[in-house]
């Protein structure tokens, strides 16, 4: 038994995945078409599965629903929060990420100016609103007040805690014309139980860039510290290089909900297959 509208697959006899199509090519992956998959009629009483069902508004509810069907989702609700929400992971990574503060309701512009100065970067505890700079970058009090108004009515932001971050200039990359935040030298990394299973450019849809072996090594050394510090078995860590050459953590996410960006999904899942088989052996 599986929750309605979901498919449970045993992939390459290595790991289970519960899926639901989202119609988003940056997220969906045709496991059946590209990998050997089975749907055993008889399975263990409880299986541990990766959830690839899109972003969940109520993760705990879905976790419990799956548990009632004998499916244990790989990240517990507590680990999902640790991997997804800045107020949960920030203390573990405060030395690797921009200085941040969060509020149940947006503070006054005067308080922001006193605490951070201008400019500041604004977001929800979990995410921005589609990387829209008009809802994310406040260069002065007027900008800030305008963003607060938009924040309260934005369907992506209004249910999240309000996060204010130190604005750190990032190394820019040449890109196609876009109405999103200026693409930077940023990379997405996937970690499976602390093992790197995928990495690639974050802004692959808008810009063509790559890291040198030295840049990759330096970036991954910071990412690995983050992955070790955050208790989330399937985790994404996004990192960017600052204009002065430092690597910083931009954010973390529950990898179950994360798009691939410039990471090869085929290579990602094959890496997890290898790690899972090695664990069995």
Protein backbone atom coordinates (compact mmCIF):
# COMPACT_ATOMS: atom_id res chain seq x y z
CA UNK A 1 0.00 0.00 0.00
CA UNK A 2 1.19 3.54 -0.83
CA UNK A 3 -0.41 6.96 -0.36
CA UNK A 4 -2.87 7.79 -3.14
CA UNK A 5 -1.24 9.14 -6.31
CA UNK A 6 2.26 8.00 -5.34
CA UNK A 7 4.52 5.30 -6.75
CA UNK A 8 6.94 3.24 -4.65
CA UNK A 9 9.96 1.85 -6.51
CA UNK A 10 12.93 -0.31 -5.58
CA UNK A 11 15.73 1.20 -7.66
CA UNK A 12 18.49 -1.14 -8.85
CA UNK A 13 17.81 -3.27 -5.72
CA UNK A 14 19.75 -0.55 -3.86
CA UNK A 15 17.26 1.97 -2.47
CA UNK A 16 13.54 2.74 -2.38
CA UNK A 17 11.99 5.93 -3.68
CA UNK A 18 8.42 7.17 -3.41
CA UNK A 19 7.57 9.47 -6.29
CA UNK A 20 4.89 11.74 -7.66
CA UNK A 21 5.20 13.71 -10.89
CA UNK A 22 5.37 17.48 -10.42
CA UNK A 23 5.60 18.40 -14.14
CA UNK A 24 8.80 20.30 -13.36
CA UNK A 25 11.68 19.05 -15.56
CA UNK A 26 14.21 20.56 -13.16
CA UNK A 27 12.91 18.21 -10.45
CA UNK A 28 11.26 15.12 -11.95
CA UNK A 29 13.32 12.08 -12.98
CA UNK A 30 12.06 9.04 -14.96
CA UNK A 31 13.46 6.30 -12.72
CA UNK A 32 11.59 3.59 -14.66
CA UNK A 33 13.02 4.68 -18.00
CA UNK A 34 16.68 5.11 -17.07
CA UNK A 35 17.27 2.70 -14.21
CA UNK A 36 16.21 -0.84 -13.36
CA UNK A 37 13.20 -0.54 -11.04
CA UNK A 38 10.84 -3.02 -9.39
CA UNK A 39 7.54 -2.76 -7.56
CA UNK A 40 7.64 -5.87 -5.38
CA UNK A 41 4.21 -7.21 -4.41
CA UNK A 42 5.79 -8.56 -1.24
CA UNK A 43 8.12 -6.20 0.56
CA UNK A 44 9.60 -5.86 4.06
CA UNK A 45 7.23 -4.71 6.81
CA UNK A 46 8.95 -1.31 6.78
CA UNK A 47 11.09 0.13 3.99
CA UNK A 48 13.13 3.33 4.09
CA UNK A 49 12.49 5.50 1.05
CA UNK A 50 13.57 8.79 -0.48
CA UNK A 51 10.59 11.04 -1.16
CA UNK A 52 10.64 12.74 -4.56
CA UNK A 53 7.15 14.22 -4.47
CA UNK A 54 7.88 17.95 -4.71
CA UNK A 55 7.81 20.53 -1.94
CA UNK A 56 5.56 19.55 0.96
CA UNK A 57 3.65 22.19 2.89
CA UNK A 58 3.17 19.71 5.77
CA UNK A 59 6.10 17.32 5.82
CA UNK A 60 5.15 15.80 9.17
CA UNK A 61 1.70 14.87 7.86
CA UNK A 62 3.18 13.17 4.78
CA UNK A 63 5.78 11.40 6.93
CA UNK A 64 3.05 9.97 9.16
CA UNK A 65 0.90 9.02 6.16
CA UNK A 66 3.80 7.08 4.66
CA UNK A 67 4.56 5.45 8.03
CA UNK A 68 1.00 4.13 8.13
CA UNK A 69 1.78 2.40 4.80
CA UNK A 70 5.02 0.83 6.06
CA UNK A 71 7.23 3.46 4.43
CA UNK A 72 9.80 5.33 6.50
CA UNK A 73 10.92 8.53 4.77
CA UNK A 74 14.70 8.91 4.95
CA UNK A 75 14.66 12.32 6.65
CA UNK A 76 12.57 12.49 9.83
CA UNK A 77 10.40 15.60 10.36
CA UNK A 78 13.04 16.93 12.76
CA UNK A 79 15.84 16.31 10.25
CA UNK A 80 13.73 17.86 7.49
CA UNK A 81 13.51 21.10 9.49
CA UNK A 82 17.23 21.01 10.31
CA UNK A 83 18.02 20.66 6.62
CA UNK A 84 15.47 23.15 5.33
CA UNK A 85 15.04 26.14 7.62
CA UNK A 86 17.75 28.70 8.29
CA UNK A 87 16.84 29.24 11.98
CA UNK A 88 17.36 25.49 12.51
CA UNK A 89 20.71 25.08 10.73
CA UNK A 90 22.21 28.53 11.28
CA UNK A 91 23.87 27.92 14.67
CA UNK A 92 25.71 24.90 13.29
CA UNK A 93 27.01 26.90 10.31
CA UNK A 94 27.34 30.45 11.65
CA UNK A 95 31.07 30.53 10.84
CA UNK A 96 30.43 29.42 7.24
CA UNK A 97 27.47 31.60 6.26
CA UNK A 98 26.48 35.30 6.30
CA UNK A 99 25.37 36.78 9.62
CA UNK A 100 21.60 36.37 9.92
CA UNK A 101 18.64 37.10 12.18
CA UNK A 102 15.01 36.05 11.96
CA UNK A 103 11.74 37.47 13.19
CA UNK A 104 8.13 36.35 13.52
CA UNK A 105 7.10 39.68 12.00
CA UNK A 106 9.29 42.11 10.02
CA UNK A 107 11.10 44.59 12.29
CA UNK A 108 11.31 48.31 11.64
CA UNK A 109 13.73 49.74 9.10
CA UNK A 110 15.45 51.58 11.95
CA UNK A 111 16.16 48.28 13.74
CA UNK A 112 17.55 46.73 10.56
CA UNK A 113 19.78 49.73 9.94
CA UNK A 114 21.10 49.61 13.49
CA UNK A 115 21.70 45.85 13.45
CA UNK A 116 22.98 45.31 9.91
CA UNK A 117 23.29 48.61 8.05
CA UNK A 118 22.44 48.70 4.33
CA UNK A 119 22.18 46.82 2.05
CA UNK A 120 20.64 43.62 3.44
CA UNK A 121 19.40 40.40 1.90
CA UNK A 122 15.87 39.33 2.82
CA UNK A 123 14.22 35.91 2.50
CA UNK A 124 11.91 33.47 4.19
CA UNK A 125 13.30 30.97 6.67
CA UNK A 126 13.19 28.34 3.93
CA UNK A 127 13.47 30.16 0.60
CA UNK A 128 13.24 33.35 -1.42
CA UNK A 129 10.33 34.16 -3.70
CA UNK A 130 11.60 32.79 -7.02
CA UNK A 131 14.90 34.71 -6.62
CA UNK A 132 13.06 37.99 -7.24
CA UNK A 133 15.47 40.82 -6.34
CA UNK A 134 12.59 43.23 -5.70
CA UNK A 135 11.63 40.98 -2.77
CA UNK A 136 15.12 40.14 -1.60
CA UNK A 137 17.58 43.07 -1.71
CA UNK A 138 17.00 46.21 0.32
CA UNK A 139 19.59 48.94 -0.30
CA UNK A 140 17.94 51.48 1.98
CA UNK A 141 14.93 52.02 4.25
CA UNK A 142 12.62 52.82 1.32
CA UNK A 143 13.48 49.54 -0.40
CA UNK A 144 13.00 47.69 2.86
CA UNK A 145 9.53 49.07 3.56
CA UNK A 146 8.44 48.20 0.01
CA UNK A 147 9.71 44.62 0.40
CA UNK A 148 7.90 44.21 3.71
CA UNK A 149 4.62 45.10 2.00
CA UNK A 150 5.28 42.55 -0.75
CA UNK A 151 6.40 39.95 1.79
CA UNK A 152 3.09 40.03 3.65
CA UNK A 153 1.09 39.22 0.50
CA UNK A 154 3.52 36.93 -1.33
CA UNK A 155 2.20 33.32 -1.35
CA UNK A 156 5.69 31.87 -1.01
CA UNK A 157 6.95 34.22 1.70
CA UNK A 158 3.99 35.15 3.90
CA UNK A 159 3.91 31.84 5.83
CA UNK A 160 7.67 31.78 6.50
CA UNK A 161 9.65 33.44 9.26
CA UNK A 162 11.22 36.71 8.09
CA UNK A 163 15.01 36.38 7.71
CA UNK A 164 17.50 39.24 7.38
CA UNK A 165 21.03 38.44 6.19
CA UNK A 166 24.26 40.37 5.92
CA UNK A 167 24.72 41.37 2.28
CA UNK A 168 27.98 39.88 0.98
CA UNK A 169 28.99 40.68 -2.62
CA UNK A 170 29.40 37.47 -4.60
CA UNK A 171 31.53 36.75 -7.63
CA UNK A 172 29.21 37.39 -10.59
CA UNK A 173 28.96 35.24 -13.72
CA UNK A 174 27.92 36.28 -17.20
CA UNK A 175 24.35 35.21 -17.86
CA UNK A 176 21.35 35.53 -20.11
CA UNK A 177 19.04 38.43 -19.40
CA UNK A 178 16.93 37.48 -16.40
CA UNK A 179 14.63 39.17 -13.91
CA UNK A 180 16.13 37.09 -11.12
CA UNK A 181 18.92 37.92 -8.71
CA UNK A 182 22.26 38.41 -10.48
CA UNK A 183 23.66 34.89 -10.99
CA UNK A 184 26.85 34.30 -9.04
CA UNK A 185 29.61 31.70 -8.96
CA UNK A 186 27.37 29.35 -6.98
CA UNK A 187 27.19 25.56 -6.82
CA UNK A 188 24.69 23.01 -5.55
CA UNK A 189 25.97 19.91 -3.76
CA UNK A 190 24.04 16.78 -2.74
CA UNK A 191 25.06 14.71 0.29
CA UNK A 192 23.81 11.21 1.11
CA UNK A 193 24.57 10.23 4.73
CA UNK A 194 27.59 12.54 4.65
CA UNK A 195 28.91 11.33 1.28
CA UNK A 196 29.07 13.68 -1.70
CA UNK A 197 26.85 12.25 -4.45
CA UNK A 198 26.45 15.24 -6.76
CA UNK A 199 27.66 18.74 -7.49
CA UNK A 200 27.15 21.32 -10.23
CA UNK A 201 26.47 24.94 -11.10
CA UNK A 202 23.45 26.42 -9.36
CA UNK A 203 22.50 28.85 -12.15
CA UNK A 204 22.80 26.34 -14.99
CA UNK A 205 19.50 27.49 -16.49
CA UNK A 206 20.77 31.04 -17.01
CA UNK A 207 24.57 30.94 -17.13
CA UNK A 208 27.37 28.72 -18.38
CA UNK A 209 30.27 28.42 -15.94
CA UNK A 210 32.31 25.75 -14.20
CA UNK A 211 34.81 25.39 -11.40
CA UNK A 212 38.49 24.56 -11.76
CA UNK A 213 39.81 21.57 -9.83
CA UNK A 214 41.21 23.93 -7.19
CA UNK A 215 37.94 25.85 -6.91
CA UNK A 216 36.01 22.59 -6.69
CA UNK A 217 38.28 21.27 -3.95
CA UNK A 218 38.02 24.49 -1.93
CA UNK A 219 34.24 24.67 -2.36
CA UNK A 220 33.68 21.04 -1.41
CA UNK A 221 35.84 21.33 1.69
CA UNK A 222 33.43 23.96 3.03
CA UNK A 223 30.39 21.99 1.85
CA UNK A 224 31.66 18.89 3.63
CA UNK A 225 31.97 20.79 6.91
CA UNK A 226 28.37 21.91 6.50
CA UNK A 227 27.12 18.42 5.63
CA UNK A 228 28.85 17.00 8.69
CA UNK A 229 27.38 19.68 10.96
CA UNK A 230 23.74 19.41 9.87
CA UNK A 231 21.92 16.25 10.97
CA UNK A 232 20.00 15.54 7.76
CA UNK A 233 20.71 12.23 5.93
CA UNK A 234 19.81 13.52 2.44
CA UNK A 235 20.96 17.12 2.29
CA UNK A 236 21.66 19.86 -0.24
CA UNK A 237 24.27 22.52 0.52
CA UNK A 238 24.49 25.53 -1.82
CA UNK A 239 27.72 27.53 -1.78
CA UNK A 240 29.02 30.61 -3.56
CA UNK A 241 32.36 32.38 -3.89
CA UNK A 242 32.58 35.94 -2.64
CA UNK A 243 34.28 38.68 -4.64
CA UNK A 244 37.31 38.31 -2.36
CA UNK A 245 37.58 34.56 -3.08
CA UNK A 246 36.03 33.01 0.04
CA UNK A 247 33.51 30.17 -0.15
CA UNK A 248 30.36 30.60 1.92
CA UNK A 249 27.22 28.56 2.50
CA UNK A 250 24.23 30.25 0.90
CA UNK A 251 21.64 27.83 2.23
CA UNK A 252 20.81 24.23 3.01
CA UNK A 253 17.80 22.22 1.88
CA UNK A 254 16.22 18.82 2.35
CA UNK A 255 17.53 17.20 -0.84
CA UNK A 256 14.24 15.35 -1.29
CA UNK A 257 12.60 18.67 -2.21
CA UNK A 258 15.49 20.15 -4.17
CA UNK A 259 15.77 20.59 -7.93
CA UNK A 260 18.88 19.35 -9.69
CA UNK A 261 20.16 22.75 -10.97
CA UNK A 262 23.35 21.88 -12.88
CA UNK A 263 23.79 18.48 -11.21
CA UNK A 264 23.33 15.47 -13.50
CA UNK A 265 20.35 13.58 -12.04
CA UNK A 266 21.49 10.34 -13.68
CA UNK A 267 24.94 10.67 -12.08
CA UNK A 268 23.37 11.65 -8.74
CA UNK A 269 21.14 8.59 -8.50
CA UNK A 270 23.89 6.28 -9.69
CA UNK A 271 26.17 7.65 -6.98
CA UNK A 272 23.51 6.89 -4.37
CA UNK A 273 23.15 3.38 -5.82
CA UNK A 274 26.92 2.86 -5.40
CA UNK A 275 26.95 4.17 -1.83
CA UNK A 276 23.88 2.12 -0.90
CA UNK A 277 25.36 -1.08 -2.34
CA UNK A 278 28.65 -0.50 -0.56
CA UNK A 279 26.74 -0.10 2.70
CA UNK A 280 24.98 -3.44 2.09
CA UNK A 281 28.26 -5.17 1.25
